[in-house]
Amino acid sequence: MHEVWEPLDVVAQALAPLLPGRVRMVPHPLALCLLPQAEALTGLALADPVVVALMVVSLVVYLIRKDPLAGIAALWKAFRDRLDQIISH
């Protein structure tokens, strides 16, 4: 293995003794985008203020390790009793 790219400092520190000189800190590979215009959100009937959670799952990893259903269940458990939240599942 030539090099390991890791965005999380704690993981990079854990790997560094195992792979001396081969662990590089890199940012998460997310593209920056502009926030949508207020007019674009009017048809969504969102509360103000609103929090939108996004979970990205790669289909090339094992679902046991990156379980998207567990992520949805955690959000549901955390917010299901709040009347000011909309959870779609």
PDB file of N, CA and C in Angstrom:
ATOM      1  N   MET A   1       0.848  -1.162   0.000  1.00  0.00           N
ATOM      2  CA  MET A   1       0.000   0.000   0.000  1.00  0.00           C
ATOM      3  C   MET A   1       0.900   1.234   0.000  1.00  0.00           C
ATOM      4  N   HIS A   2       0.609   2.130  -0.904  1.00  0.00           N
ATOM      5  CA  HIS A   2       1.439   3.325  -1.040  1.00  0.00           C
ATOM      6  C   HIS A   2       1.062   4.397  -0.018  1.00  0.00           C
ATOM      7  N   GLU A   3      -0.231   4.672   0.106  1.00  0.00           N
ATOM      8  CA  GLU A   3      -0.657   5.776   0.953  1.00  0.00           C
ATOM      9  C   GLU A   3      -2.108   5.584   1.362  1.00  0.00           C
ATOM     10  N   VAL A   4      -2.462   6.047   2.565  1.00  0.00           N
ATOM     11  CA  VAL A   4      -3.841   6.023   3.060  1.00  0.00           C
ATOM     12  C   VAL A   4      -4.299   7.463   3.207  1.00  0.00           C
ATOM     13  N   TRP A   5      -5.423   7.780   2.621  1.00  0.00           N
ATOM     14  CA  TRP A   5      -6.018   9.105   2.767  1.00  0.00           C
ATOM     15  C   TRP A   5      -7.142   8.998   3.780  1.00  0.00           C
ATOM     16  N   GLU A   6      -7.118   9.847   4.787  1.00  0.00           N
ATOM     17  CA  GLU A   6      -8.117   9.785   5.858  1.00  0.00           C
ATOM     18  C   GLU A   6      -8.541  11.190   6.254  1.00  0.00           C
ATOM     19  N   PRO A   7      -9.860  11.475   6.252  1.00  0.00           N
ATOM     20  CA  PRO A   7     -10.326  12.805   6.619  1.00  0.00           C
ATOM     21  C   PRO A   7     -10.442  13.036   8.127  1.00  0.00           C
ATOM     22  N   LEU A   8     -10.538  11.984   8.921  1.00  0.00           N
ATOM     23  CA  LEU A   8     -10.727  12.141  10.360  1.00  0.00           C
ATOM     24  C   LEU A   8      -9.399  12.039  11.099  1.00  0.00           C
ATOM     25  N   ASP A   9      -9.118  13.045  11.912  1.00  0.00           N
ATOM     26  CA  ASP A   9      -7.858  13.106  12.639  1.00  0.00           C
ATOM     27  C   ASP A   9      -7.673  11.907  13.564  1.00  0.00           C
ATOM     28  N   VAL A  10      -8.720  11.520  14.275  1.00  0.00           N
ATOM     29  CA  VAL A  10      -8.606  10.409  15.228  1.00  0.00           C
ATOM     30  C   VAL A  10      -8.253   9.100  14.516  1.00  0.00           C
ATOM     31  N   VAL A  11      -8.811   8.879  13.336  1.00  0.00           N
ATOM     32  CA  VAL A  11      -8.506   7.666  12.570  1.00  0.00           C
ATOM     33  C   VAL A  11      -7.089   7.744  12.012  1.00  0.00           C
ATOM     34  N   ALA A  12      -6.711   8.910  11.516  1.00  0.00           N
ATOM     35  CA  ALA A  12      -5.358   9.081  10.981  1.00  0.00           C
ATOM     36  C   ALA A  12      -4.311   8.840  12.068  1.00  0.00           C
ATOM     37  N   GLN A  13      -4.587   9.327  13.277  1.00  0.00           N
ATOM     38  CA  GLN A  13      -3.653   9.107  14.381  1.00  0.00           C
ATOM     39  C   GLN A  13      -3.564   7.636  14.754  1.00  0.00           C
ATOM     40  N   ALA A  14      -4.672   6.919  14.668  1.00  0.00           N
ATOM     41  CA  ALA A  14      -4.667   5.486  14.987  1.00  0.00           C
ATOM     42  C   ALA A  14      -3.907   4.690  13.926  1.00  0.00           C
ATOM     43  N   LEU A  15      -3.990   5.117  12.677  1.00  0.00           N
ATOM     44  CA  LEU A  15      -3.313   4.404  11.592  1.00  0.00           C
ATOM     45  C   LEU A  15      -1.831   4.738  11.480  1.00  0.00           C
ATOM     46  N   ALA A  16      -1.450   5.927  11.920  1.00  0.00           N
ATOM     47  CA  ALA A  16      -0.074   6.403  11.735  1.00  0.00           C
ATOM     48  C   ALA A  16       0.990   5.442  12.284  1.00  0.00           C
ATOM     49  N   PRO A  17       0.836   4.865  13.477  1.00  0.00           N
ATOM     50  CA  PRO A  17       1.867   3.933  13.953  1.00  0.00           C
ATOM     51  C   PRO A  17       1.949   2.650  13.122  1.00  0.00           C
ATOM     52  N   LEU A  18       0.835   2.270  12.513  1.00  0.00           N
ATOM     53  CA  LEU A  18       0.804   1.056  11.697  1.00  0.00           C
ATOM     54  C   LEU A  18       1.379   1.283  10.301  1.00  0.00           C
ATOM     55  N   LEU A  19       1.264   2.525   9.819  1.00  0.00           N
ATOM     56  CA  LEU A  19       1.720   2.876   8.471  1.00  0.00           C
ATOM     57  C   LEU A  19       2.554   4.150   8.529  1.00  0.00           C
ATOM     58  N   PRO A  20       3.737   4.087   9.139  1.00  0.00           N
ATOM     59  CA  PRO A  20       4.529   5.307   9.316  1.00  0.00           C
ATOM     60  C   PRO A  20       4.834   6.010   7.995  1.00  0.00           C
ATOM     61  N   GLY A  21       4.503   7.302   7.979  1.00  0.00           N
ATOM     62  CA  GLY A  21       4.782   8.122   6.805  1.00  0.00           C
ATOM     63  C   GLY A  21       3.851   7.908   5.635  1.00  0.00           C
ATOM     64  N   ARG A  22       2.827   7.060   5.801  1.00  0.00           N
ATOM     65  CA  ARG A  22       1.942   6.765   4.663  1.00  0.00           C
ATOM     66  C   ARG A  22       0.495   7.196   4.885  1.00  0.00           C
ATOM     67  N   VAL A  23       0.213   7.906   5.986  1.00  0.00           N
ATOM     68  CA  VAL A  23      -1.147   8.366   6.253  1.00  0.00           C
ATOM     69  C   VAL A  23      -1.207   9.867   5.989  1.00  0.00           C
ATOM     70  N   ARG A  24      -2.113  10.257   5.109  1.00  0.00           N
ATOM     71  CA  ARG A  24      -2.263  11.669   4.755  1.00  0.00           C
ATOM     72  C   ARG A  24      -3.672  12.125   5.127  1.00  0.00           C
ATOM     73  N   MET A  25      -3.749  13.280   5.796  1.00  0.00           N
ATOM     74  CA  MET A  25      -5.045  13.880   6.113  1.00  0.00           C
ATOM     75  C   MET A  25      -5.572  14.585   4.869  1.00  0.00           C
ATOM     76  N   VAL A  26      -6.788  14.251   4.467  1.00  0.00           N
ATOM     77  CA  VAL A  26      -7.440  14.903   3.327  1.00  0.00           C
ATOM     78  C   VAL A  26      -8.857  15.267   3.742  1.00  0.00           C
ATOM     79  N   PRO A  27      -9.434  16.315   3.172  1.00  0.00           N
ATOM     80  CA  PRO A  27     -10.812  16.669   3.517  1.00  0.00           C
ATOM     81  C   PRO A  27     -11.799  15.657   2.941  1.00  0.00           C
ATOM     82  N   HIS A  28     -12.987  15.633   3.526  1.00  0.00           N
ATOM     83  CA  HIS A  28     -14.048  14.784   2.980  1.00  0.00           C
ATOM     84  C   HIS A  28     -14.327  15.207   1.537  1.00  0.00           C
ATOM     85  N   PRO A  29     -14.587  14.270   0.643  1.00  0.00           N
ATOM     86  CA  PRO A  29     -14.789  14.606  -0.771  1.00  0.00           C
ATOM     87  C   PRO A  29     -16.207  15.096  -1.064  1.00  0.00           C
ATOM     88  N   LEU A  30     -16.555  16.245  -0.519  1.00  0.00           N
ATOM     89  CA  LEU A  30     -17.873  16.822  -0.748  1.00  0.00           C
ATOM     90  C   LEU A  30     -17.721  18.096  -1.557  1.00  0.00           C
ATOM     91  N   ALA A  31     -18.550  18.244  -2.538  1.00  0.00           N
ATOM     92  CA  ALA A  31     -18.520  19.459  -3.346  1.00  0.00           C
ATOM     93  C   ALA A  31     -19.252  20.570  -2.604  1.00  0.00           C
ATOM     94  N   LEU A  32     -18.712  21.760  -2.664  1.00  0.00           N
ATOM     95  CA  LEU A  32     -19.391  22.907  -2.089  1.00  0.00           C
ATOM     96  C   LEU A  32     -20.451  23.380  -3.069  1.00  0.00           C
ATOM     97  N   CYS A  33     -21.593  23.742  -2.547  1.00  0.00           N
ATOM     98  CA  CYS A  33     -22.649  24.243  -3.421  1.00  0.00           C
ATOM     99  C   CYS A  33     -23.322  25.435  -2.760  1.00  0.00           C
ATOM    100  N   LEU A  34     -23.961  26.214  -3.561  1.00  0.00           N
ATOM    101  CA  LEU A  34     -24.689  27.360  -3.049  1.00  0.00           C
ATOM    102  C   LEU A  34     -25.996  26.895  -2.433  1.00  0.00           C
ATOM    103  N   LEU A  35     -26.445  27.613  -1.419  1.00  0.00           N
ATOM    104  CA  LEU A  35     -27.739  27.306  -0.820  1.00  0.00           C
ATOM    105  C   LEU A  35     -28.832  27.645  -1.824  1.00  0.00           C
ATOM    106  N   PRO A  36     -29.914  26.878  -1.825  1.00  0.00           N
ATOM    107  CA  PRO A  36     -30.997  27.176  -2.774  1.00  0.00           C
ATOM    108  C   PRO A  36     -31.658  28.513  -2.453  1.00  0.00           C
ATOM    109  N   GLN A  37     -32.185  29.123  -3.460  1.00  0.00           N
ATOM    110  CA  GLN A  37     -32.919  30.369  -3.283  1.00  0.00           C
ATOM    111  C   GLN A  37     -34.171  30.103  -2.454  1.00  0.00           C
ATOM    112  N   ALA A  38     -34.589  31.086  -1.670  1.00  0.00           N
ATOM    113  CA  ALA A  38     -35.756  30.931  -0.805  1.00  0.00           C
ATOM    114  C   ALA A  38     -36.995  30.527  -1.602  1.00  0.00           C
ATOM    115  N   GLU A  39     -37.118  31.041  -2.831  1.00  0.00           N
ATOM    116  CA  GLU A  39     -38.292  30.708  -3.650  1.00  0.00           C
ATOM    117  C   GLU A  39     -38.332  29.211  -3.977  1.00  0.00           C
ATOM    118  N   ALA A  40     -37.178  28.578  -4.072  1.00  0.00           N
ATOM    119  CA  ALA A  40     -37.126  27.158  -4.421  1.00  0.00           C
ATOM    120  C   ALA A  40     -37.629  26.279  -3.278  1.00  0.00           C
ATOM    121  N   LEU A  41     -37.613  26.794  -2.066  1.00  0.00           N
ATOM    122  CA  LEU A  41     -38.030  26.012  -0.909  1.00  0.00           C
ATOM    123  C   LEU A  41     -39.499  26.198  -0.549  1.00  0.00           C
ATOM    124  N   THR A  42     -40.188  27.150  -1.169  1.00  0.00           N
ATOM    125  CA  THR A  42     -41.554  27.458  -0.755  1.00  0.00           C
ATOM    126  C   THR A  42     -42.507  26.291  -0.967  1.00  0.00           C
ATOM    127  N   GLY A  43     -42.320  25.480  -1.974  1.00  0.00           N
ATOM    128  CA  GLY A  43     -43.213  24.362  -2.232  1.00  0.00           C
ATOM    129  C   GLY A  43     -42.975  23.157  -1.339  1.00  0.00           C
ATOM    130  N   LEU A  44     -41.938  23.193  -0.525  1.00  0.00           N
ATOM    131  CA  LEU A  44     -41.620  22.053   0.328  1.00  0.00           C
ATOM    132  C   LEU A  44     -42.322  22.088   1.678  1.00  0.00           C
ATOM    133  N   ALA A  45     -42.954  23.180   2.038  1.00  0.00           N
ATOM    134  CA  ALA A  45     -43.677  23.335   3.298  1.00  0.00           C
ATOM    135  C   ALA A  45     -42.791  23.004   4.493  1.00  0.00           C
ATOM    136  N   LEU A  46     -41.585  23.561   4.500  1.00  0.00           N
ATOM    137  CA  LEU A  46     -40.660  23.334   5.597  1.00  0.00           C
ATOM    138  C   LEU A  46     -40.843  24.384   6.677  1.00  0.00           C
ATOM    139  N   ALA A  47     -40.636  23.974   7.931  1.00  0.00           N
ATOM    140  CA  ALA A  47     -40.708  24.921   9.038  1.00  0.00           C
ATOM    141  C   ALA A  47     -39.519  25.872   8.963  1.00  0.00           C
ATOM    142  N   ASP A  48     -39.622  26.976   9.672  1.00  0.00           N
ATOM    143  CA  ASP A  48     -38.517  27.920   9.713  1.00  0.00           C
ATOM    144  C   ASP A  48     -38.154  28.137  11.169  1.00  0.00           C
ATOM    145  N   PRO A  49     -36.984  27.863  11.637  1.00  0.00           N
ATOM    146  CA  PRO A  49     -35.839  27.321  10.912  1.00  0.00           C
ATOM    147  C   PRO A  49     -35.992  25.820  10.683  1.00  0.00           C
ATOM    148  N   VAL A  50     -35.228  25.306   9.758  1.00  0.00           N
ATOM    149  CA  VAL A  50     -35.312  23.895   9.404  1.00  0.00           C
ATOM    150  C   VAL A  50     -33.920  23.280   9.404  1.00  0.00           C
ATOM    151  N   VAL A  51     -33.861  22.027   9.779  1.00  0.00           N
ATOM    152  CA  VAL A  51     -32.618  21.267   9.687  1.00  0.00           C
ATOM    153  C   VAL A  51     -32.865  20.129   8.710  1.00  0.00           C
ATOM    154  N   VAL A  52     -32.002  20.023   7.722  1.00  0.00           N
ATOM    155  CA  VAL A  52     -32.103  18.942   6.752  1.00  0.00           C
ATOM    156  C   VAL A  52     -30.911  18.024   6.955  1.00  0.00           C
ATOM    157  N   ALA A  53     -31.178  16.755   7.209  1.00  0.00           N
ATOM    158  CA  ALA A  53     -30.102  15.778   7.397  1.00  0.00           C
ATOM    159  C   ALA A  53     -29.952  14.971   6.116  1.00  0.00           C
ATOM    160  N   LEU A  54     -28.721  14.785   5.718  1.00  0.00           N
ATOM    161  CA  LEU A  54     -28.422  14.022   4.514  1.00  0.00           C
ATOM    162  C   LEU A  54     -27.486  12.885   4.890  1.00  0.00           C
ATOM    163  N   MET A  55     -27.842  11.690   4.485  1.00  0.00           N
ATOM    164  CA  MET A  55     -26.975  10.547   4.720  1.00  0.00           C
ATOM    165  C   MET A  55     -26.579   9.999   3.362  1.00  0.00           C
ATOM    166  N   VAL A  56     -25.277   9.902   3.136  1.00  0.00           N
ATOM    167  CA  VAL A  56     -24.745   9.403   1.878  1.00  0.00           C
ATOM    168  C   VAL A  56     -24.202   8.010   2.128  1.00  0.00           C
ATOM    169  N   VAL A  57     -24.615   7.063   1.309  1.00  0.00           N
ATOM    170  CA  VAL A  57     -24.185   5.679   1.471  1.00  0.00           C
ATOM    171  C   VAL A  57     -23.600   5.200   0.147  1.00  0.00           C
ATOM    172  N   SER A  58     -22.440   4.617   0.229  1.00  0.00           N
ATOM    173  CA  SER A  58     -21.817   4.025  -0.945  1.00  0.00           C
ATOM    174  C   SER A  58     -22.220   2.561  -1.028  1.00  0.00           C
ATOM    175  N   LEU A  59     -22.610   2.124  -2.183  1.00  0.00           N
ATOM    176  CA  LEU A  59     -23.013   0.733  -2.353  1.00  0.00           C
ATOM    177  C   LEU A  59     -21.833  -0.216  -2.491  1.00  0.00           C
ATOM    178  N   VAL A  60     -20.616   0.321  -2.442  1.00  0.00           N
ATOM    179  CA  VAL A  60     -19.446  -0.551  -2.532  1.00  0.00           C
ATOM    180  C   VAL A  60     -18.921  -0.961  -1.155  1.00  0.00           C
ATOM    181  N   VAL A  61     -19.560  -0.495  -0.070  1.00  0.00           N
ATOM    182  CA  VAL A  61     -19.162  -0.919   1.269  1.00  0.00           C
ATOM    183  C   VAL A  61     -20.223  -1.862   1.820  1.00  0.00           C
ATOM    184  N   TYR A  62     -19.835  -2.633   2.793  1.00  0.00           N
ATOM    185  CA  TYR A  62     -20.774  -3.569   3.398  1.00  0.00           C
ATOM    186  C   TYR A  62     -21.832  -2.807   4.187  1.00  0.00           C
ATOM    187  N   LEU A  63     -23.095  -3.181   4.010  1.00  0.00           N
ATOM    188  CA  LEU A  63     -24.178  -2.502   4.717  1.00  0.00           C
ATOM    189  C   LEU A  63     -24.131  -2.766   6.212  1.00  0.00           C
ATOM    190  N   ILE A  64     -23.480  -3.830   6.638  1.00  0.00           N
ATOM    191  CA  ILE A  64     -23.310  -4.084   8.067  1.00  0.00           C
ATOM    192  C   ILE A  64     -22.467  -2.969   8.685  1.00  0.00           C
ATOM    193  N   ARG A  65     -21.448  -2.522   7.968  1.00  0.00           N
ATOM    194  CA  ARG A  65     -20.541  -1.501   8.495  1.00  0.00           C
ATOM    195  C   ARG A  65     -21.124  -0.102   8.351  1.00  0.00           C
ATOM    196  N   LYS A  66     -21.798   0.157   7.277  1.00  0.00           N
ATOM    197  CA  LYS A  66     -22.395   1.470   7.017  1.00  0.00           C
ATOM    198  C   LYS A  66     -23.887   1.263   6.819  1.00  0.00           C
ATOM    199  N   ASP A  67     -24.599   1.069   7.889  1.00  0.00           N
ATOM    200  CA  ASP A  67     -26.007   0.676   7.837  1.00  0.00           C
ATOM    201  C   ASP A  67     -26.919   1.898   7.680  1.00  0.00           C
ATOM    202  N   PRO A  68     -27.412   2.162   6.471  1.00  0.00           N
ATOM    203  CA  PRO A  68     -28.268   3.339   6.277  1.00  0.00           C
ATOM    204  C   PRO A  68     -29.591   3.234   7.027  1.00  0.00           C
ATOM    205  N   LEU A  69     -30.107   2.031   7.189  1.00  0.00           N
ATOM    206  CA  LEU A  69     -31.373   1.878   7.913  1.00  0.00           C
ATOM    207  C   LEU A  69     -31.207   2.233   9.387  1.00  0.00           C
ATOM    208  N   ALA A  70     -30.045   1.950   9.966  1.00  0.00           N
ATOM    209  CA  ALA A  70     -29.787   2.327  11.354  1.00  0.00           C
ATOM    210  C   ALA A  70     -29.708   3.845  11.489  1.00  0.00           C
ATOM    211  N   GLY A  71     -29.148   4.508  10.488  1.00  0.00           N
ATOM    212  CA  GLY A  71     -29.097   5.974  10.499  1.00  0.00           C
ATOM    213  C   GLY A  71     -30.484   6.585  10.460  1.00  0.00           C
ATOM    214  N   ILE A  72     -31.334   6.050   9.619  1.00  0.00           N
ATOM    215  CA  ILE A  72     -32.718   6.531   9.540  1.00  0.00           C
ATOM    216  C   ILE A  72     -33.446   6.249  10.846  1.00  0.00           C
ATOM    217  N   ALA A  73     -33.233   5.065  11.409  1.00  0.00           N
ATOM    218  CA  ALA A  73     -33.877   4.711  12.684  1.00  0.00           C
ATOM    219  C   ALA A  73     -33.429   5.649  13.804  1.00  0.00           C
ATOM    220  N   ALA A  74     -32.153   6.032  13.816  1.00  0.00           N
ATOM    221  CA  ALA A  74     -31.648   6.943  14.847  1.00  0.00           C
ATOM    222  C   ALA A  74     -32.301   8.316  14.733  1.00  0.00           C
ATOM    223  N   LEU A  75     -32.433   8.826  13.500  1.00  0.00           N
ATOM    224  CA  LEU A  75     -33.118  10.109  13.311  1.00  0.00           C
ATOM    225  C   LEU A  75     -34.581  10.013  13.722  1.00  0.00           C
ATOM    226  N   TRP A  76     -35.224   8.923  13.359  1.00  0.00           N
ATOM    227  CA  TRP A  76     -36.630   8.726  13.716  1.00  0.00           C
ATOM    228  C   TRP A  76     -36.800   8.696  15.226  1.00  0.00           C
ATOM    229  N   LYS A  77     -35.919   7.964  15.909  1.00  0.00           N
ATOM    230  CA  LYS A  77     -35.991   7.866  17.373  1.00  0.00           C
ATOM    231  C   LYS A  77     -35.746   9.226  18.025  1.00  0.00           C
ATOM    232  N   ALA A  78     -34.827   9.989  17.486  1.00  0.00           N
ATOM    233  CA  ALA A  78     -34.484  11.285  18.067  1.00  0.00           C
ATOM    234  C   ALA A  78     -35.572  12.333  17.874  1.00  0.00           C
ATOM    235  N   PHE A  79     -36.291  12.284  16.762  1.00  0.00           N
ATOM    236  CA  PHE A  79     -37.202  13.383  16.424  1.00  0.00           C
ATOM    237  C   PHE A  79     -38.661  12.988  16.262  1.00  0.00           C
ATOM    238  N   ARG A  80     -39.028  11.753  16.454  1.00  0.00           N
ATOM    239  CA  ARG A  80     -40.401  11.334  16.147  1.00  0.00           C
ATOM    240  C   ARG A  80     -41.462  12.006  16.999  1.00  0.00           C
ATOM    241  N   ASP A  81     -41.128  12.435  18.213  1.00  0.00           N
ATOM    242  CA  ASP A  81     -42.121  13.053  19.094  1.00  0.00           C
ATOM    243  C   ASP A  81     -42.209  14.564  18.937  1.00  0.00           C
ATOM    244  N   ARG A  82     -41.402  15.124  18.066  1.00  0.00           N
ATOM    245  CA  ARG A  82     -41.426  16.579  17.892  1.00  0.00           C
ATOM    246  C   ARG A  82     -42.455  16.952  16.821  1.00  0.00           C
ATOM    247  N   LEU A  83     -43.347  17.829  17.190  1.00  0.00           N
ATOM    248  CA  LEU A  83     -44.388  18.248  16.252  1.00  0.00           C
ATOM    249  C   LEU A  83     -43.867  19.224  15.208  1.00  0.00           C
ATOM    250  N   ASP A  84     -42.718  19.837  15.472  1.00  0.00           N
ATOM    251  CA  ASP A  84     -42.177  20.798  14.515  1.00  0.00           C
ATOM    252  C   ASP A  84     -41.202  20.150  13.543  1.00  0.00           C
ATOM    253  N   GLN A  85     -41.150  18.825  13.486  1.00  0.00           N
ATOM    254  CA  GLN A  85     -40.241  18.113  12.604  1.00  0.00           C
ATOM    255  C   GLN A  85     -41.026  17.256  11.613  1.00  0.00           C
ATOM    256  N   ILE A  86     -40.499  17.116  10.444  1.00  0.00           N
ATOM    257  CA  ILE A  86     -41.080  16.218   9.442  1.00  0.00           C
ATOM    258  C   ILE A  86     -40.040  15.157   9.139  1.00  0.00           C
ATOM    259  N   ILE A  87     -40.412  13.912   9.367  1.00  0.00           N
ATOM    260  CA  ILE A  87     -39.503  12.808   9.052  1.00  0.00           C
ATOM    261  C   ILE A  87     -40.201  11.929   8.040  1.00  0.00           C
ATOM    262  N   SER A  88     -39.570  11.770   6.911  1.00  0.00           N
ATOM    263  CA  SER A  88     -40.121  10.906   5.869  1.00  0.00           C
ATOM    264  C   SER A  88     -39.297   9.635   5.835  1.00  0.00           C
ATOM    265  N   HIS A  89     -39.975   8.522   5.796  1.00  0.00           N
ATOM    266  CA  HIS A  89     -39.272   7.245   5.751  1.00  0.00           C
ATOM    267  C   HIS A  89     -39.965   6.273   4.828  1.00  0.00           C
TER     268      HIS A  89
END
